[in-house]
């Protein structure tokens, strides 16, 4: 077999290309939006913030392992000595596909899953969870690894990894800015309490306790109330105005900018899973082992410990199956809300198994 045999179909190539274009447009628009907001509020030239995406990209690449996996996940490098079966299986698949072997990491969680990640210009990484290694038999492990290797071959792992990190940055920057504003407000309230006035912060920080106003002489309190307190009051009004303007002008614009990106990414994500399933089935020659693995992975979803969910949500869209739905959501033949269908990062496992079964029939003819 050759690498050429496993090139993605035209539909996948088109979706990957349009996603890269949209990411560029959204990122530039996001930087321009933040620049416009800062220009309106403090007079900073709007074009200065066009450098924000560049700074974010440099920060991403400067992290260990390129920041492709969330920091909250405990990962270890897999070695041939520690995981001989994992390495032997992946080496065999890479030889069949005529492609270099990716880096291999193990995510120390009980979630039974795997994912492929890669930043542009960096070597790809296939990450498998400890839960998968502990529960999967050799045939199912091979099927899962073949699926993730297909994402590397198709080059869709690159755009999904970059897009996931970009979306996290888009959400993190406004949140960090709001945290800074609240921290400044708490500082102003602290100064007010030192002047004898009981100001309450807009938002309490972690570990904050509500301290009473400092008891000082009435004459000193009156002096501070006429001198320092008005300045603190002006600064606090400016902070509130900034929060108000940010909430009304910037947050809705960020949401509007994010909608087309989310729709485009989910469209790509669903399509790429079908493409990877097909390539994995052809690579292993055992389509029904992949179908069996997908069914088993989907059934094991609800066993995820609560402490791992927050970090895992960041990579759910890149895994072979997503995190399980909330307990209140409906599965199987029950009705699922239309919005959830539109924004789902993966096609239903039942639909994927159906396509794999059809492919199996075609291969046996």
Protein backbone atom coordinates (compact mmCIF):
# COMPACT_ATOMS: atom_id res chain seq x y z
CA UNK A 1 0.00 0.00 0.00
CA UNK A 2 1.08 3.57 -0.55
CA UNK A 3 0.37 6.82 1.11
CA UNK A 4 -1.45 7.96 -2.04
CA UNK A 5 -4.10 5.30 -1.55
CA UNK A 6 -5.31 7.02 1.59
CA UNK A 7 -5.58 10.58 0.40
CA UNK A 8 -8.81 12.27 1.53
CA UNK A 9 -11.70 12.69 -0.85
CA UNK A 10 -12.46 15.99 -2.53
CA UNK A 11 -15.17 16.82 -0.03
CA UNK A 12 -12.72 16.65 2.85
CA UNK A 13 -10.09 18.66 0.96
CA UNK A 14 -12.69 21.36 0.26
CA UNK A 15 -13.83 21.52 3.87
CA UNK A 16 -10.28 21.70 5.19
CA UNK A 17 -9.46 24.53 2.77
CA UNK A 18 -12.55 26.58 3.54
CA UNK A 19 -11.98 26.11 7.28
CA UNK A 20 -8.44 27.52 6.99
CA UNK A 21 -9.79 30.54 5.07
CA UNK A 22 -12.53 31.13 7.62
CA UNK A 23 -10.09 30.80 10.51
CA UNK A 24 -7.92 33.52 8.97
CA UNK A 25 -10.91 35.82 8.44
CA UNK A 26 -12.33 35.22 11.93
CA UNK A 27 -8.94 35.70 13.60
CA UNK A 28 -8.29 38.97 11.76
CA UNK A 29 -11.82 40.15 12.50
CA UNK A 30 -11.42 39.29 16.17
CA UNK A 31 -8.19 41.26 16.41
CA UNK A 32 -9.76 44.23 14.61
CA UNK A 33 -12.77 44.09 16.94
CA UNK A 34 -10.63 44.19 20.07
CA UNK A 35 -8.59 47.00 18.48
CA UNK A 36 -11.72 49.03 17.73
CA UNK A 37 -12.93 48.58 21.31
CA UNK A 38 -9.61 49.72 22.77
CA UNK A 39 -9.45 52.65 20.34
CA UNK A 40 -12.91 53.77 21.42
CA UNK A 41 -12.13 53.42 25.10
CA UNK A 42 -8.50 54.50 25.48
CA UNK A 43 -7.51 55.85 22.06
CA UNK A 44 -5.14 53.00 21.14
CA UNK A 45 -4.78 52.65 17.32
CA UNK A 46 -7.11 49.84 16.20
CA UNK A 47 -4.53 48.17 13.97
CA UNK A 48 -2.23 47.48 16.93
CA UNK A 49 -4.49 44.63 18.03
CA UNK A 50 -4.08 42.88 14.70
CA UNK A 51 -0.86 41.67 16.28
CA UNK A 52 -2.86 39.79 18.94
CA UNK A 53 -3.32 36.66 16.77
CA UNK A 54 0.42 36.67 16.05
CA UNK A 55 1.24 36.96 19.75
CA UNK A 56 -1.23 34.18 20.59
CA UNK A 57 0.30 31.93 17.92
CA UNK A 58 3.83 32.56 19.18
CA UNK A 59 2.70 31.82 22.74
CA UNK A 60 1.06 28.60 21.57
CA UNK A 61 4.16 27.37 19.75
CA UNK A 62 6.41 28.32 22.66
CA UNK A 63 4.64 25.91 24.99
CA UNK A 64 6.01 22.47 25.63
CA UNK A 65 4.75 20.05 22.94
CA UNK A 66 3.18 23.00 21.15
CA UNK A 67 0.28 23.26 23.57
CA UNK A 68 -1.69 20.67 21.62
CA UNK A 69 -3.06 18.97 24.74
CA UNK A 70 -4.69 20.84 27.66
CA UNK A 71 -2.44 21.49 30.64
CA UNK A 72 -5.05 19.99 32.93
CA UNK A 73 -4.48 16.54 31.45
CA UNK A 74 -1.73 14.38 32.88
CA UNK A 75 0.17 12.88 29.95
CA UNK A 76 3.26 10.73 29.56
CA UNK A 77 5.34 9.83 26.53
CA UNK A 78 4.76 6.27 25.39
CA UNK A 79 7.91 4.21 24.86
CA UNK A 80 8.44 0.85 23.12
CA UNK A 81 9.68 -0.56 26.41
CA UNK A 82 6.57 0.44 28.39
CA UNK A 83 3.97 -0.11 25.65
CA UNK A 84 5.32 -2.70 23.20
CA UNK A 85 1.91 -3.67 21.80
CA UNK A 86 0.93 -0.06 21.20
CA UNK A 87 4.19 0.69 19.39
CA UNK A 88 4.19 -2.52 17.37
CA UNK A 89 0.63 -1.92 16.18
CA UNK A 90 1.29 1.69 15.21
CA UNK A 91 4.56 0.79 13.45
CA UNK A 92 2.74 -1.83 11.38
CA UNK A 93 -0.03 0.60 10.41
CA UNK A 94 2.47 3.30 9.45
CA UNK A 95 4.34 0.81 7.27
CA UNK A 96 1.10 -0.15 5.52
CA UNK A 97 0.20 3.50 4.97
CA UNK A 98 3.76 4.44 3.98
CA UNK A 99 3.81 7.34 6.43
CA UNK A 100 6.21 8.30 9.27
CA UNK A 101 5.22 7.22 12.75
CA UNK A 102 3.70 10.04 14.83
CA UNK A 103 4.69 10.78 18.40
CA UNK A 104 2.69 8.79 20.93
CA UNK A 105 1.37 10.04 24.25
CA UNK A 106 -0.75 8.43 26.92
CA UNK A 107 -3.41 10.50 28.68
CA UNK A 108 -3.73 9.23 32.23
CA UNK A 109 -7.52 9.17 32.45
CA UNK A 110 -10.06 6.35 32.55
CA UNK A 111 -11.94 7.76 29.55
CA UNK A 112 -11.69 5.12 26.83
CA UNK A 113 -10.67 7.12 23.77
CA UNK A 114 -7.93 8.38 21.44
CA UNK A 115 -7.20 11.48 19.36
CA UNK A 116 -4.73 12.86 16.84
CA UNK A 117 -3.34 16.39 17.20
CA UNK A 118 -0.90 18.42 15.15
CA UNK A 119 0.04 22.06 14.80
CA UNK A 120 1.22 23.35 11.39
CA UNK A 121 4.94 22.72 11.03
CA UNK A 122 5.06 20.37 14.01
CA UNK A 123 5.15 16.55 14.02
CA UNK A 124 1.78 14.89 14.65
CA UNK A 125 0.90 13.23 17.94
CA UNK A 126 -1.49 10.37 18.56
CA UNK A 127 -2.71 10.35 22.15
CA UNK A 128 -4.48 7.36 23.65
CA UNK A 129 -6.04 7.20 27.08
CA UNK A 130 -5.03 4.79 29.78
CA UNK A 131 -8.60 3.55 29.76
CA UNK A 132 -8.27 2.48 26.12
CA UNK A 133 -5.00 0.62 26.73
CA UNK A 134 -6.48 -1.16 29.74
CA UNK A 135 -9.69 -2.32 28.03
CA UNK A 136 -9.17 -2.69 24.26
CA UNK A 137 -8.17 -6.01 22.74
CA UNK A 138 -5.45 -5.97 20.03
CA UNK A 139 -7.90 -5.85 17.11
CA UNK A 140 -9.88 -2.93 18.53
CA UNK A 141 -6.72 -1.07 19.49
CA UNK A 142 -5.49 -1.46 15.92
CA UNK A 143 -8.80 -0.14 14.57
CA UNK A 144 -8.69 2.93 16.83
CA UNK A 145 -5.05 3.68 16.00
CA UNK A 146 -5.80 3.30 12.28
CA UNK A 147 -8.62 5.83 12.62
CA UNK A 148 -6.36 8.38 14.30
CA UNK A 149 -3.56 7.75 11.82
CA UNK A 150 -6.08 8.46 9.05
CA UNK A 151 -6.62 11.95 10.49
CA UNK A 152 -2.87 12.54 10.23
CA UNK A 153 -2.76 11.22 6.66
CA UNK A 154 -5.75 13.36 5.65
CA UNK A 155 -4.14 16.44 7.27
CA UNK A 156 -7.41 17.37 8.94
CA UNK A 157 -5.84 16.89 12.38
CA UNK A 158 -3.80 20.03 11.72
CA UNK A 159 -6.72 22.35 11.06
CA UNK A 160 -8.77 20.89 13.92
CA UNK A 161 -5.91 21.29 16.40
CA UNK A 162 -5.19 24.87 15.34
CA UNK A 163 -8.89 25.76 15.32
CA UNK A 164 -9.45 24.26 18.76
CA UNK A 165 -6.56 26.23 20.24
CA UNK A 166 -7.73 29.39 18.46
CA UNK A 167 -11.27 29.02 19.79
CA UNK A 168 -9.93 28.56 23.31
CA UNK A 169 -7.88 31.75 22.91
CA UNK A 170 -10.94 33.64 21.64
CA UNK A 171 -12.85 32.68 24.76
CA UNK A 172 -9.93 33.06 27.17
CA UNK A 173 -8.84 36.60 26.26
CA UNK A 174 -12.17 38.32 27.10
CA UNK A 175 -12.47 36.21 30.26
CA UNK A 176 -8.97 37.20 31.37
CA UNK A 177 -9.73 40.86 30.63
CA UNK A 178 -12.88 40.72 32.74
CA UNK A 179 -10.91 39.06 35.55
CA UNK A 180 -8.40 41.92 35.45
CA UNK A 181 -11.22 44.46 35.67
CA UNK A 182 -12.75 42.68 38.65
CA UNK A 183 -9.32 42.50 40.31
CA UNK A 184 -8.92 46.27 39.84
CA UNK A 185 -12.38 46.79 41.35
CA UNK A 186 -11.48 44.69 44.39
CA UNK A 187 -8.32 46.79 44.81
CA UNK A 188 -10.36 50.01 44.76
CA UNK A 189 -12.74 48.56 47.35
CA UNK A 190 -9.78 47.65 49.55
CA UNK A 191 -8.51 51.25 49.42
CA UNK A 192 -12.01 52.50 50.22
CA UNK A 193 -12.19 50.24 53.28
CA UNK A 194 -8.82 51.59 54.43
CA UNK A 195 -10.39 55.04 54.25
CA UNK A 196 -13.26 53.88 56.47
CA UNK A 197 -15.91 53.23 53.81
CA UNK A 198 -17.58 49.83 53.32
CA UNK A 199 -17.41 49.27 49.58
CA UNK A 200 -18.37 45.85 48.27
CA UNK A 201 -16.63 44.51 45.15
CA UNK A 202 -18.61 43.68 42.04
CA UNK A 203 -17.18 40.17 42.11
CA UNK A 204 -15.38 38.34 44.89
CA UNK A 205 -12.12 36.68 43.95
CA UNK A 206 -11.13 33.16 44.99
CA UNK A 207 -10.53 33.03 48.71
CA UNK A 208 -11.82 36.58 49.24
CA UNK A 209 -13.48 37.42 52.53
CA UNK A 210 -15.63 40.44 53.14
CA UNK A 211 -13.57 42.64 55.45
CA UNK A 212 -15.19 45.44 57.43
CA UNK A 213 -14.24 49.06 56.90
CA UNK A 214 -11.25 50.24 58.85
CA UNK A 215 -12.13 52.19 61.98
CA UNK A 216 -10.46 55.59 61.85
CA UNK A 217 -11.02 58.96 63.49
CA UNK A 218 -14.06 60.81 62.19
CA UNK A 219 -11.96 63.82 61.19
CA UNK A 220 -9.55 61.72 59.14
CA UNK A 221 -12.46 59.84 57.62
CA UNK A 222 -14.06 63.10 56.53
CA UNK A 223 -10.77 64.33 55.04
CA UNK A 224 -10.26 61.10 53.11
CA UNK A 225 -13.89 61.22 52.03
CA UNK A 226 -13.32 64.63 50.47
CA UNK A 227 -9.95 63.89 48.85
CA UNK A 228 -9.21 60.22 48.16
CA UNK A 229 -12.74 58.82 47.96
CA UNK A 230 -13.85 60.94 44.95
CA UNK A 231 -10.83 59.71 42.98
CA UNK A 232 -11.63 56.11 43.88
CA UNK A 233 -15.24 56.72 42.91
CA UNK A 234 -14.29 58.12 39.50
CA UNK A 235 -12.02 55.16 38.83
CA UNK A 236 -14.76 52.73 39.82
CA UNK A 237 -17.31 54.44 37.60
CA UNK A 238 -14.87 54.16 34.70
CA UNK A 239 -14.46 50.46 35.42
CA UNK A 240 -18.21 49.92 35.45
CA UNK A 241 -18.58 51.87 32.20
CA UNK A 242 -15.85 49.74 30.62
CA UNK A 243 -17.59 46.54 31.72
CA UNK A 244 -20.90 47.84 30.38
CA UNK A 245 -19.41 48.85 27.03
CA UNK A 246 -17.50 45.58 26.77
CA UNK A 247 -20.60 43.54 27.56
CA UNK A 248 -22.84 45.38 25.10
CA UNK A 249 -20.42 46.04 22.25
CA UNK A 250 -17.71 43.38 22.29
CA UNK A 251 -19.26 40.21 23.70
CA UNK A 252 -22.18 40.09 21.19
CA UNK A 253 -19.74 40.80 18.35
CA UNK A 254 -17.48 37.95 19.50
CA UNK A 255 -20.49 35.63 19.59
CA UNK A 256 -21.53 36.68 16.08
CA UNK A 257 -17.99 36.12 14.82
CA UNK A 258 -17.90 32.71 16.46
CA UNK A 259 -21.14 31.37 14.96
CA UNK A 260 -19.86 30.80 11.40
CA UNK A 261 -16.62 29.33 12.75
CA UNK A 262 -18.48 26.89 15.01
CA UNK A 263 -20.81 25.81 12.21
CA UNK A 264 -17.92 25.38 9.78
CA UNK A 265 -15.82 23.42 12.26
CA UNK A 266 -18.63 21.07 13.22
CA UNK A 267 -19.33 20.53 9.53
CA UNK A 268 -15.69 19.61 8.95
CA UNK A 269 -15.50 17.54 12.12
CA UNK A 270 -18.47 15.35 11.22
CA UNK A 271 -17.27 14.81 7.66
CA UNK A 272 -13.70 13.99 8.68
CA UNK A 273 -14.89 11.24 11.02
CA UNK A 274 -16.60 9.44 8.14
CA UNK A 275 -13.46 9.85 6.00
CA UNK A 276 -11.19 8.54 8.76
CA UNK A 277 -13.51 5.59 9.40
CA UNK A 278 -13.32 4.61 5.75
CA UNK A 279 -9.53 4.92 5.56
CA UNK A 280 -9.07 3.00 8.83
CA UNK A 281 -11.31 0.20 7.59
CA UNK A 282 -9.33 -0.06 4.34
CA UNK A 283 -6.00 0.14 6.14
CA UNK A 284 -6.73 -2.70 8.58
CA UNK A 285 -8.89 -4.72 6.23
CA UNK A 286 -11.26 -5.37 9.17
CA UNK A 287 -14.09 -2.82 9.02
CA UNK A 288 -16.25 -4.59 11.59
CA UNK A 289 -13.51 -4.38 14.22
CA UNK A 290 -13.69 -0.60 13.88
CA UNK A 291 -17.49 -0.73 14.13
CA UNK A 292 -17.17 -2.86 17.26
CA UNK A 293 -14.60 -0.46 18.74
CA UNK A 294 -16.80 2.59 18.08
CA UNK A 295 -19.79 0.91 19.73
CA UNK A 296 -17.72 -0.05 22.77
CA UNK A 297 -16.21 3.43 23.09
CA UNK A 298 -19.63 5.04 22.90
CA UNK A 299 -21.04 2.76 25.57
CA UNK A 300 -18.16 3.41 27.97
CA UNK A 301 -18.63 7.21 27.90
CA UNK A 302 -20.70 7.62 31.09
CA UNK A 303 -17.89 6.20 33.29
CA UNK A 304 -15.77 9.38 33.01
CA UNK A 305 -14.82 10.77 36.45
CA UNK A 306 -16.14 14.25 37.13
CA UNK A 307 -12.66 15.61 37.93
CA UNK A 308 -11.46 14.88 34.38
CA UNK A 309 -14.40 16.35 32.48
CA UNK A 310 -13.25 19.98 32.43
CA UNK A 311 -9.89 19.27 30.80
CA UNK A 312 -11.34 16.65 28.46
CA UNK A 313 -13.97 19.00 27.04
CA UNK A 314 -11.24 20.93 25.22
CA UNK A 315 -10.26 17.85 23.18
CA UNK A 316 -13.65 16.16 22.89
CA UNK A 317 -14.18 17.39 19.32
CA UNK A 318 -10.89 15.80 18.22
CA UNK A 319 -11.44 12.39 19.84
CA UNK A 320 -12.66 9.32 17.97
CA UNK A 321 -15.94 9.62 19.91
CA UNK A 322 -17.01 12.73 21.85
CA UNK A 323 -17.65 13.08 25.53
CA UNK A 324 -20.98 11.52 26.50
CA UNK A 325 -24.04 13.73 26.44
CA UNK A 326 -25.42 15.12 29.68
CA UNK A 327 -27.68 12.79 31.58
CA UNK A 328 -30.63 15.05 30.82
CA UNK A 329 -30.04 14.74 27.07
CA UNK A 330 -31.61 12.00 25.04
CA UNK A 331 -29.80 9.24 23.19
CA UNK A 332 -30.51 6.44 20.76
CA UNK A 333 -33.99 6.57 19.30
CA UNK A 334 -35.08 9.40 21.53
CA UNK A 335 -35.41 12.89 20.23
CA UNK A 336 -32.39 15.21 20.30
CA UNK A 337 -32.77 18.97 20.02
CA UNK A 338 -32.13 20.37 16.54
CA UNK A 339 -29.45 22.78 17.81
CA UNK A 340 -27.52 19.88 19.32
CA UNK A 341 -27.64 18.09 15.97
CA UNK A 342 -26.33 21.14 14.12
CA UNK A 343 -23.51 21.78 16.58
CA UNK A 344 -22.56 18.13 17.19
CA UNK A 345 -18.84 17.59 16.59
CA UNK A 346 -19.34 13.95 15.60
CA UNK A 347 -21.93 12.08 13.56
CA UNK A 348 -23.97 9.56 15.57
CA UNK A 349 -22.06 6.35 16.21
CA UNK A 350 -24.99 4.36 14.84
CA UNK A 351 -24.68 6.20 11.52
CA UNK A 352 -20.92 5.61 11.43
CA UNK A 353 -21.39 1.91 12.12
CA UNK A 354 -23.99 1.75 9.35
CA UNK A 355 -21.54 3.22 6.83
CA UNK A 356 -18.75 0.93 7.97
CA UNK A 357 -21.08 -2.06 7.57
CA UNK A 358 -21.89 -0.96 4.01
CA UNK A 359 -18.17 -0.62 3.30
CA UNK A 360 -17.56 -4.10 4.70
CA UNK A 361 -20.10 -5.53 2.28
CA UNK A 362 -18.43 -3.71 -0.61
CA UNK A 363 -15.00 -5.04 0.35
CA UNK A 364 -16.21 -8.65 0.52
CA UNK A 365 -17.80 -8.61 -2.92
